[in-house]
Amino acid sequence: MPTTLARIQVTQTPALRDALELAAEEWPGSPKSELVARLAVLGAESLASQRSARRAARRAALEATRGTIAYPPGYLEELRKDWPE
């Protein structure tokens, strides 16, 4: 089919074959090229969701530990004495 979009070539490894078989059960009658595209989009959505979950976990850990370290008076001033101006 004519298109102005870039195309890619993918080797059908055993793992990709298995993924295509699973995708064909989900979207019967779809050509393999469409199955690959759908799997790629779903994979990207999954990665984005995992990234978001990791960020939320890091933020929760930071929030849970906020204020739990008691620095001695003058700690920052002492630390900054060695910094260049």
Protein backbone atom coordinates (compact mmCIF):
# COMPACT_ATOMS: atom_id res chain seq x y z
CA MET A 1 0.00 0.00 0.00
CA PRO A 2 1.48 3.40 -0.93
CA THR A 3 2.47 5.61 1.97
CA THR A 4 4.73 8.55 2.74
CA LEU A 5 5.51 7.12 6.18
CA ALA A 6 8.77 5.34 6.93
CA ARG A 7 8.66 1.56 6.93
CA ILE A 8 10.67 -0.92 8.98
CA GLN A 9 11.59 -4.55 8.47
CA VAL A 10 11.23 -7.03 11.34
CA THR A 11 12.64 -10.55 11.50
CA GLN A 12 10.11 -13.10 12.70
CA THR A 13 11.98 -14.63 15.63
CA PRO A 14 10.36 -17.38 17.71
CA ALA A 15 9.35 -14.79 20.35
CA LEU A 16 7.77 -12.55 17.70
CA ARG A 17 6.03 -15.55 16.13
CA ASP A 18 4.49 -16.39 19.51
CA ALA A 19 3.43 -12.78 20.01
CA LEU A 20 1.86 -12.70 16.54
CA GLU A 21 -0.05 -15.90 17.24
CA LEU A 22 -1.42 -14.40 20.44
CA ALA A 23 -2.25 -11.14 18.67
CA ALA A 24 -4.01 -13.04 15.87
CA GLU A 25 -6.30 -14.62 18.47
CA GLU A 26 -7.09 -11.15 19.83
CA TRP A 27 -7.55 -9.51 16.41
CA PRO A 28 -8.52 -12.30 13.99
CA GLY A 29 -8.26 -11.54 10.30
CA SER A 30 -5.76 -8.70 10.74
CA PRO A 31 -2.66 -8.82 8.53
CA LYS A 32 0.67 -9.47 10.25
CA SER A 33 1.83 -5.90 9.61
CA GLU A 34 -1.18 -4.58 11.53
CA LEU A 35 -0.60 -7.08 14.33
CA VAL A 36 3.03 -5.93 14.66
CA ALA A 37 1.91 -2.30 14.77
CA ARG A 38 -0.75 -3.00 17.42
CA LEU A 39 1.72 -4.99 19.52
CA ALA A 40 4.24 -2.15 19.29
CA VAL A 41 1.69 0.43 20.44
CA LEU A 42 0.52 -1.79 23.30
CA GLY A 43 4.14 -2.40 24.29
CA ALA A 44 4.82 1.34 24.36
CA GLU A 45 1.72 1.91 26.48
CA SER A 46 2.89 -0.79 28.88
CA LEU A 47 6.36 0.78 29.14
CA ALA A 48 4.84 4.20 29.80
CA SER A 49 2.64 2.72 32.52
CA GLN A 50 5.60 0.95 34.14
CA ARG A 51 7.65 4.17 34.02
CA SER A 52 4.80 6.07 35.65
CA ALA A 53 4.51 3.43 38.39
CA ARG A 54 8.27 3.61 39.09
CA ARG A 55 8.09 7.40 39.35
CA ALA A 56 5.13 7.18 41.71
CA ALA A 57 7.00 4.65 43.88
CA ARG A 58 10.07 6.91 44.03
CA ARG A 59 7.93 9.92 44.95
CA ALA A 60 6.16 7.89 47.65
CA ALA A 61 9.52 6.79 49.08
CA LEU A 62 10.76 10.38 49.11
CA GLU A 63 7.57 11.57 50.76
CA ALA A 64 7.76 8.79 53.37
CA THR A 65 11.33 9.71 54.31
CA ARG A 66 10.95 13.48 54.16
CA GLY A 67 12.06 15.08 57.41
CA THR A 68 13.38 11.87 58.96
CA ILE A 69 17.03 13.00 59.05
CA ALA A 70 17.91 15.47 61.78
CA TYR A 71 20.91 17.52 60.64
CA PRO A 72 22.87 19.31 63.35
CA PRO A 73 22.67 23.09 63.61
CA GLY A 74 24.98 24.82 61.13
CA TYR A 75 25.33 21.70 58.96
CA LEU A 76 24.72 23.47 55.65
CA GLU A 77 27.00 26.39 56.46
CA GLU A 78 29.78 23.98 57.38
CA LEU A 79 29.24 22.00 54.21
CA ARG A 80 29.26 25.10 52.01
CA LYS A 81 32.56 26.39 53.38
CA ASP A 82 34.44 24.06 51.04
CA TRP A 83 32.46 25.07 47.93
CA PRO A 84 34.07 27.42 45.45
CA GLU A 85 32.39 30.80 45.10
